[in-house]
PDB file of N, CA and C in Angstrom:
ATOM      1  N   MET A   1      21.233   0.874  15.324  1.00  0.00           N
ATOM      2  CA  MET A   1      21.444  -0.418  14.696  1.00  0.00           C
ATOM      3  C   MET A   1      22.914  -0.588  14.395  1.00  0.00           C
ATOM      4  N   GLY A   2      23.436  -1.742  14.644  1.00  0.00           N
ATOM      5  CA  GLY A   2      24.837  -1.970  14.432  1.00  0.00           C
ATOM      6  C   GLY A   2      25.175  -2.522  13.065  1.00  0.00           C
ATOM      7  N   ASP A   3      24.211  -2.666  12.163  1.00  0.00           N
ATOM      8  CA  ASP A   3      24.485  -3.279  10.875  1.00  0.00           C
ATOM      9  C   ASP A   3      24.656  -2.270   9.738  1.00  0.00           C
ATOM     10  N   GLY A   4      24.778  -0.993  10.043  1.00  0.00           N
ATOM     11  CA  GLY A   4      25.042   0.005   9.016  1.00  0.00           C
ATOM     12  C   GLY A   4      23.799   0.597   8.371  1.00  0.00           C
ATOM     13  N   ARG A   5      22.628   0.071   8.652  1.00  0.00           N
ATOM     14  CA  ARG A   5      21.408   0.637   8.070  1.00  0.00           C
ATOM     15  C   ARG A   5      21.014   1.891   8.828  1.00  0.00           C
ATOM     16  N   LYS A   6      20.431   2.848   8.090  1.00  0.00           N
ATOM     17  CA  LYS A   6      19.923   4.053   8.733  1.00  0.00           C
ATOM     18  C   LYS A   6      18.692   3.696   9.556  1.00  0.00           C
ATOM     19  N   GLU A   7      18.580   4.312  10.705  1.00  0.00           N
ATOM     20  CA  GLU A   7      17.373   4.104  11.498  1.00  0.00           C
ATOM     21  C   GLU A   7      16.250   4.909  10.857  1.00  0.00           C
ATOM     22  N   ARG A   8      15.101   4.283  10.679  1.00  0.00           N
ATOM     23  CA  ARG A   8      13.974   4.933  10.016  1.00  0.00           C
ATOM     24  C   ARG A   8      12.836   5.110  10.996  1.00  0.00           C
ATOM     25  N   GLU A   9      11.951   6.055  10.650  1.00  0.00           N
ATOM     26  CA  GLU A   9      10.746   6.252  11.443  1.00  0.00           C
ATOM     27  C   GLU A   9       9.875   5.013  11.332  1.00  0.00           C
ATOM     28  N   ASN A  10       9.022   4.824  12.308  1.00  0.00           N
ATOM     29  CA  ASN A  10       8.086   3.707  12.265  1.00  0.00           C
ATOM     30  C   ASN A  10       6.944   4.080  11.323  1.00  0.00           C
ATOM     31  N   ASN A  11       7.003   3.597  10.093  1.00  0.00           N
ATOM     32  CA  ASN A  11       5.990   3.886   9.090  1.00  0.00           C
ATOM     33  C   ASN A  11       5.080   2.674   8.937  1.00  0.00           C
ATOM     34  N   GLY A  12       4.291   2.429   9.936  1.00  0.00           N
ATOM     35  CA  GLY A  12       3.419   1.274   9.881  1.00  0.00           C
ATOM     36  C   GLY A  12       2.292   1.379  10.879  1.00  0.00           C
ATOM     37  N   PHE A  13       1.484   0.328  10.912  1.00  0.00           N
ATOM     38  CA  PHE A  13       0.378   0.285  11.840  1.00  0.00           C
ATOM     39  C   PHE A  13      -0.008  -1.168  12.089  1.00  0.00           C
ATOM     40  N   THR A  14      -0.829  -1.388  13.104  1.00  0.00           N
ATOM     41  CA  THR A  14      -1.354  -2.720  13.375  1.00  0.00           C
ATOM     42  C   THR A  14      -2.865  -2.679  13.233  1.00  0.00           C
ATOM     43  N   LYS A  15      -3.436  -3.794  12.820  1.00  0.00           N
ATOM     44  CA  LYS A  15      -4.879  -3.906  12.645  1.00  0.00           C
ATOM     45  C   LYS A  15      -5.307  -5.266  13.174  1.00  0.00           C
ATOM     46  N   ARG A  16      -6.257  -5.274  14.066  1.00  0.00           N
ATOM     47  CA  ARG A  16      -6.758  -6.527  14.627  1.00  0.00           C
ATOM     48  C   ARG A  16      -8.076  -6.876  13.945  1.00  0.00           C
ATOM     49  N   VAL A  17      -8.146  -8.081  13.394  1.00  0.00           N
ATOM     50  CA  VAL A  17      -9.349  -8.603  12.766  1.00  0.00           C
ATOM     51  C   VAL A  17      -9.648  -9.932  13.443  1.00  0.00           C
ATOM     52  N   GLY A  18     -10.694  -9.953  14.240  1.00  0.00           N
ATOM     53  CA  GLY A  18     -10.996 -11.156  15.007  1.00  0.00           C
ATOM     54  C   GLY A  18      -9.868 -11.442  15.980  1.00  0.00           C
ATOM     55  N   ALA A  19      -9.349 -12.669  15.944  1.00  0.00           N
ATOM     56  CA  ALA A  19      -8.270 -13.062  16.842  1.00  0.00           C
ATOM     57  C   ALA A  19      -6.890 -12.867  16.213  1.00  0.00           C
ATOM     58  N   THR A  20      -6.841 -12.288  15.011  1.00  0.00           N
ATOM     59  CA  THR A  20      -5.572 -12.113  14.302  1.00  0.00           C
ATOM     60  C   THR A  20      -5.169 -10.644  14.304  1.00  0.00           C
ATOM     61  N   THR A  21      -3.913 -10.379  14.625  1.00  0.00           N
ATOM     62  CA  THR A  21      -3.372  -9.025  14.569  1.00  0.00           C
ATOM     63  C   THR A  21      -2.395  -8.943  13.410  1.00  0.00           C
ATOM     64  N   TYR A  22      -2.635  -8.003  12.507  1.00  0.00           N
ATOM     65  CA  TYR A  22      -1.771  -7.790  11.349  1.00  0.00           C
ATOM     66  C   TYR A  22      -0.873  -6.594  11.619  1.00  0.00           C
ATOM     67  N   VAL A  23       0.412  -6.739  11.319  1.00  0.00           N
ATOM     68  CA  VAL A  23       1.369  -5.644  11.426  1.00  0.00           C
ATOM     69  C   VAL A  23       1.733  -5.248  10.004  1.00  0.00           C
ATOM     70  N   VAL A  24       1.445  -3.989   9.644  1.00  0.00           N
ATOM     71  CA  VAL A  24       1.667  -3.503   8.285  1.00  0.00           C
ATOM     72  C   VAL A  24       2.744  -2.434   8.318  1.00  0.00           C
ATOM     73  N   ASN A  25       3.800  -2.651   7.541  1.00  0.00           N
ATOM     74  CA  ASN A  25       4.866  -1.660   7.411  1.00  0.00           C
ATOM     75  C   ASN A  25       4.775  -1.038   6.030  1.00  0.00           C
ATOM     76  N   VAL A  26       4.947   0.273   5.966  1.00  0.00           N
ATOM     77  CA  VAL A  26       4.818   1.005   4.718  1.00  0.00           C
ATOM     78  C   VAL A  26       6.176   1.558   4.332  1.00  0.00           C
ATOM     79  N   HIS A  27       6.552   1.362   3.068  1.00  0.00           N
ATOM     80  CA  HIS A  27       7.797   1.946   2.580  1.00  0.00           C
ATOM     81  C   HIS A  27       7.642   2.294   1.109  1.00  0.00           C
ATOM     82  N   PHE A  28       8.319   3.329   0.688  1.00  0.00           N
ATOM     83  CA  PHE A  28       8.260   3.800  -0.685  1.00  0.00           C
ATOM     84  C   PHE A  28       9.671   4.051  -1.199  1.00  0.00           C
ATOM     85  N   SER A  29       9.843   3.874  -2.481  1.00  0.00           N
ATOM     86  CA  SER A  29      11.124   4.173  -3.112  1.00  0.00           C
ATOM     87  C   SER A  29      11.288   5.687  -3.187  1.00  0.00           C
ATOM     88  N   GLU A  30      12.460   6.159  -2.840  1.00  0.00           N
ATOM     89  CA  GLU A  30      12.719   7.598  -2.919  1.00  0.00           C
ATOM     90  C   GLU A  30      13.012   8.040  -4.348  1.00  0.00           C
ATOM     91  N   THR A  31      13.245   7.092  -5.256  1.00  0.00           N
ATOM     92  CA  THR A  31      13.569   7.446  -6.643  1.00  0.00           C
ATOM     93  C   THR A  31      12.417   7.209  -7.610  1.00  0.00           C
ATOM     94  N   ASP A  32      11.309   6.647  -7.137  1.00  0.00           N
ATOM     95  CA  ASP A  32      10.163   6.364  -8.004  1.00  0.00           C
ATOM     96  C   ASP A  32       9.421   7.655  -8.318  1.00  0.00           C
ATOM     97  N   SER A  33       8.931   7.790  -9.556  1.00  0.00           N
ATOM     98  CA  SER A  33       8.244   9.015  -9.949  1.00  0.00           C
ATOM     99  C   SER A  33       6.723   8.876  -9.900  1.00  0.00           C
ATOM    100  N   ALA A  34       6.195   7.707  -9.519  1.00  0.00           N
ATOM    101  CA  ALA A  34       4.751   7.512  -9.445  1.00  0.00           C
ATOM    102  C   ALA A  34       4.173   8.341  -8.299  1.00  0.00           C
ATOM    103  N   THR A  35       3.027   8.951  -8.563  1.00  0.00           N
ATOM    104  CA  THR A  35       2.365   9.747  -7.541  1.00  0.00           C
ATOM    105  C   THR A  35       1.447   8.865  -6.710  1.00  0.00           C
ATOM    106  N   LEU A  36       0.933   9.404  -5.632  1.00  0.00           N
ATOM    107  CA  LEU A  36      -0.017   8.677  -4.806  1.00  0.00           C
ATOM    108  C   LEU A  36      -1.249   8.322  -5.636  1.00  0.00           C
ATOM    109  N   GLU A  37      -1.699   9.256  -6.464  1.00  0.00           N
ATOM    110  CA  GLU A  37      -2.857   8.985  -7.326  1.00  0.00           C
ATOM    111  C   GLU A  37      -2.570   7.817  -8.275  1.00  0.00           C
ATOM    112  N   ASP A  38      -1.375   7.781  -8.870  1.00  0.00           N
ATOM    113  CA  ASP A  38      -0.992   6.669  -9.754  1.00  0.00           C
ATOM    114  C   ASP A  38      -1.073   5.336  -9.014  1.00  0.00           C
ATOM    115  N   ARG A  39      -0.566   5.308  -7.806  1.00  0.00           N
ATOM    116  CA  ARG A  39      -0.553   4.077  -7.016  1.00  0.00           C
ATOM    117  C   ARG A  39      -1.967   3.623  -6.659  1.00  0.00           C
ATOM    118  N   LEU A  40      -2.802   4.577  -6.249  1.00  0.00           N
ATOM    119  CA  LEU A  40      -4.176   4.234  -5.893  1.00  0.00           C
ATOM    120  C   LEU A  40      -4.964   3.725  -7.101  1.00  0.00           C
ATOM    121  N   LEU A  41      -4.795   4.381  -8.240  1.00  0.00           N
ATOM    122  CA  LEU A  41      -5.473   3.927  -9.457  1.00  0.00           C
ATOM    123  C   LEU A  41      -5.025   2.524  -9.840  1.00  0.00           C
ATOM    124  N   HIS A  42      -3.756   2.231  -9.685  1.00  0.00           N
ATOM    125  CA  HIS A  42      -3.241   0.890  -9.968  1.00  0.00           C
ATOM    126  C   HIS A  42      -3.920  -0.140  -9.066  1.00  0.00           C
ATOM    127  N   LEU A  43      -4.034   0.172  -7.777  1.00  0.00           N
ATOM    128  CA  LEU A  43      -4.678  -0.746  -6.837  1.00  0.00           C
ATOM    129  C   LEU A  43      -6.141  -0.977  -7.197  1.00  0.00           C
ATOM    130  N   VAL A  44      -6.851   0.095  -7.538  1.00  0.00           N
ATOM    131  CA  VAL A  44      -8.267  -0.021  -7.892  1.00  0.00           C
ATOM    132  C   VAL A  44      -8.426  -0.844  -9.159  1.00  0.00           C
ATOM    133  N   ARG A  45      -7.626  -0.533 -10.185  1.00  0.00           N
ATOM    134  CA  ARG A  45      -7.725  -1.280 -11.447  1.00  0.00           C
ATOM    135  C   ARG A  45      -7.402  -2.750 -11.257  1.00  0.00           C
ATOM    136  N   ASN A  46      -6.393  -3.037 -10.454  1.00  0.00           N
ATOM    137  CA  ASN A  46      -6.028  -4.426 -10.196  1.00  0.00           C
ATOM    138  C   ASN A  46      -7.150  -5.149  -9.457  1.00  0.00           C
ATOM    139  N   ASP A  47      -7.768  -4.493  -8.484  1.00  0.00           N
ATOM    140  CA  ASP A  47      -8.864  -5.088  -7.744  1.00  0.00           C
ATOM    141  C   ASP A  47     -10.048  -5.379  -8.671  1.00  0.00           C
ATOM    142  N   ILE A  48     -10.331  -4.471  -9.579  1.00  0.00           N
ATOM    143  CA  ILE A  48     -11.414  -4.670 -10.550  1.00  0.00           C
ATOM    144  C   ILE A  48     -11.095  -5.855 -11.449  1.00  0.00           C
ATOM    145  N   ARG A  49      -9.863  -5.936 -11.919  1.00  0.00           N
ATOM    146  CA  ARG A  49      -9.462  -7.019 -12.808  1.00  0.00           C
ATOM    147  C   ARG A  49      -9.541  -8.370 -12.099  1.00  0.00           C
ATOM    148  N   VAL A  50      -9.013  -8.438 -10.899  1.00  0.00           N
ATOM    149  CA  VAL A  50      -8.950  -9.707 -10.168  1.00  0.00           C
ATOM    150  C   VAL A  50     -10.332 -10.162  -9.726  1.00  0.00           C
ATOM    151  N   ASN A  51     -11.174  -9.244  -9.266  1.00  0.00           N
ATOM    152  CA  ASN A  51     -12.463  -9.611  -8.722  1.00  0.00           C
ATOM    153  C   ASN A  51     -13.617  -9.504  -9.711  1.00  0.00           C
ATOM    154  N   GLY A  52     -13.340  -9.076 -10.934  1.00  0.00           N
ATOM    155  CA  GLY A  52     -14.368  -8.997 -11.967  1.00  0.00           C
ATOM    156  C   GLY A  52     -15.457  -8.008 -11.645  1.00  0.00           C
ATOM    157  N   LEU A  53     -15.118  -6.916 -11.006  1.00  0.00           N
ATOM    158  CA  LEU A  53     -16.113  -5.907 -10.650  1.00  0.00           C
ATOM    159  C   LEU A  53     -16.466  -5.066 -11.864  1.00  0.00           C
ATOM    160  N   SER A  54     -17.691  -4.607 -11.900  1.00  0.00           N
ATOM    161  CA  SER A  54     -18.082  -3.742 -13.007  1.00  0.00           C
ATOM    162  C   SER A  54     -17.678  -2.312 -12.692  1.00  0.00           C
ATOM    163  N   VAL A  55     -17.468  -1.532 -13.730  1.00  0.00           N
ATOM    164  CA  VAL A  55     -17.029  -0.153 -13.576  1.00  0.00           C
ATOM    165  C   VAL A  55     -18.087   0.766 -14.165  1.00  0.00           C
ATOM    166  N   ALA A  56     -18.497   1.761 -13.412  1.00  0.00           N
ATOM    167  CA  ALA A  56     -19.469   2.746 -13.904  1.00  0.00           C
ATOM    168  C   ALA A  56     -18.763   3.692 -14.863  1.00  0.00           C
ATOM    169  N   ALA A  57     -19.449   4.083 -15.923  1.00  0.00           N
ATOM    170  CA  ALA A  57     -18.879   4.992 -16.915  1.00  0.00           C
ATOM    171  C   ALA A  57     -18.706   6.382 -16.303  1.00  0.00           C
ATOM    172  N   LYS A  58     -17.667   7.098 -16.746  1.00  0.00           N
ATOM    173  CA  LYS A  58     -17.448   8.471 -16.296  1.00  0.00           C
ATOM    174  C   LYS A  58     -18.535   9.374 -16.854  1.00  0.00           C
ATOM    175  N   LYS A  59     -18.914  10.373 -16.096  1.00  0.00           N
ATOM    176  CA  LYS A  59     -19.943  11.335 -16.557  1.00  0.00           C
ATOM    177  C   LYS A  59     -19.271  12.578 -17.055  1.00  0.00           C
TER     178      LYS A  59
END
């Protein structure tokens, strides 16, 4: 690349749903301290909040 940016690995994938193809690129901050588990829990909690899903109690 001639614009001074470092060349990065292709961290993404494509997904075809019906006649639409989605291109998803994945990137993470190198300075963030959140773990993968933290990120996944955030996504699950947000999905529950937005969609009003019920949550089963922990055993």
